[in-house]
């Protein structure tokens, strides 16, 4: 039983890691500062009614119009 829980945790962890890695790499490709972008997502998503308005999620995509703080600056 403990082995099954361990394997399940590894799979969930790998899945979570791959999602975060994908978000970070996509942000970098779009000229975003990954840390600022993810912070922005964590600030915005809890305040959105995505259950009733799933189209709101499009406003958070890395190729959309985002606040200036999400973009890389020359010193980054």
Protein backbone atom coordinates (compact mmCIF):
# COMPACT_ATOMS: atom_id res chain seq x y z
CA UNK A 1 0.00 0.00 0.00
CA UNK A 2 2.74 2.48 0.91
CA UNK A 3 4.47 1.79 -2.41
CA UNK A 4 1.28 2.68 -4.34
CA UNK A 5 1.01 5.99 -2.50
CA UNK A 6 4.68 6.72 -3.21
CA UNK A 7 4.27 6.03 -6.95
CA UNK A 8 1.09 8.13 -7.10
CA UNK A 9 2.90 11.02 -5.41
CA UNK A 10 5.77 10.74 -7.92
CA UNK A 11 3.35 10.86 -10.84
CA UNK A 12 1.48 13.87 -9.43
CA UNK A 13 4.76 15.62 -8.72
CA UNK A 14 6.06 14.95 -12.22
CA UNK A 15 2.81 16.21 -13.72
CA UNK A 16 2.93 19.39 -11.63
CA UNK A 17 6.58 19.97 -12.52
CA UNK A 18 5.89 19.59 -16.22
CA UNK A 19 3.04 22.13 -16.05
CA UNK A 20 5.22 24.71 -14.27
CA UNK A 21 8.12 24.05 -16.64
CA UNK A 22 5.82 24.56 -19.63
CA UNK A 23 4.50 27.86 -18.22
CA UNK A 24 8.05 29.10 -17.51
CA UNK A 25 9.41 28.18 -20.93
CA UNK A 26 6.42 29.66 -22.77
CA UNK A 27 6.76 32.86 -20.75
CA UNK A 28 10.45 33.12 -21.67
CA UNK A 29 9.65 32.58 -25.35
CA UNK A 30 7.15 35.44 -25.18
CA UNK A 31 9.66 37.84 -23.60
CA UNK A 32 8.19 37.64 -20.12
CA UNK A 33 9.95 37.49 -16.78
CA UNK A 34 8.81 34.02 -15.62
CA UNK A 35 8.79 34.88 -11.90
CA UNK A 36 6.79 38.07 -12.41
CA UNK A 37 4.40 36.32 -14.79
CA UNK A 38 3.71 33.43 -12.41
CA UNK A 39 3.28 35.88 -9.54
CA UNK A 40 0.78 37.80 -11.67
CA UNK A 41 -1.12 34.56 -12.40
CA UNK A 42 -1.28 33.72 -8.68
CA UNK A 43 -2.58 37.21 -7.95
CA UNK A 44 -5.22 37.21 -10.69
CA UNK A 45 -6.62 33.67 -10.90
CA UNK A 46 -8.12 33.54 -7.37
CA UNK A 47 -10.08 36.72 -8.13
CA UNK A 48 -11.56 35.45 -11.40
CA UNK A 49 -14.83 33.61 -11.83
CA UNK A 50 -13.41 31.01 -14.21
CA UNK A 51 -16.18 28.54 -13.48
CA UNK A 52 -18.83 30.82 -15.00
CA UNK A 53 -16.53 32.70 -17.40
CA UNK A 54 -13.78 30.33 -18.62
CA UNK A 55 -12.98 32.77 -21.45
CA UNK A 56 -11.36 35.03 -18.83
CA UNK A 57 -8.44 32.63 -18.84
CA UNK A 58 -7.48 33.92 -22.30
CA UNK A 59 -6.58 37.28 -20.77
CA UNK A 60 -3.81 35.56 -18.78
CA UNK A 61 -2.10 33.77 -21.65
CA UNK A 62 1.53 34.78 -22.16
CA UNK A 63 0.92 36.05 -25.70
CA UNK A 64 -1.88 38.35 -24.56
CA UNK A 65 -1.72 41.89 -23.25
CA UNK A 66 -0.21 41.79 -19.78
CA UNK A 67 1.00 44.43 -17.31
CA UNK A 68 4.46 45.87 -17.93
CA UNK A 69 5.77 44.21 -14.76
CA UNK A 70 5.43 40.82 -16.49
CA UNK A 71 7.83 41.68 -19.32
CA UNK A 72 11.59 41.32 -19.25
CA UNK A 73 13.59 44.49 -18.93
CA UNK A 74 17.11 45.02 -20.23
CA UNK A 75 18.61 44.36 -16.79
CA UNK A 76 16.78 40.99 -16.48
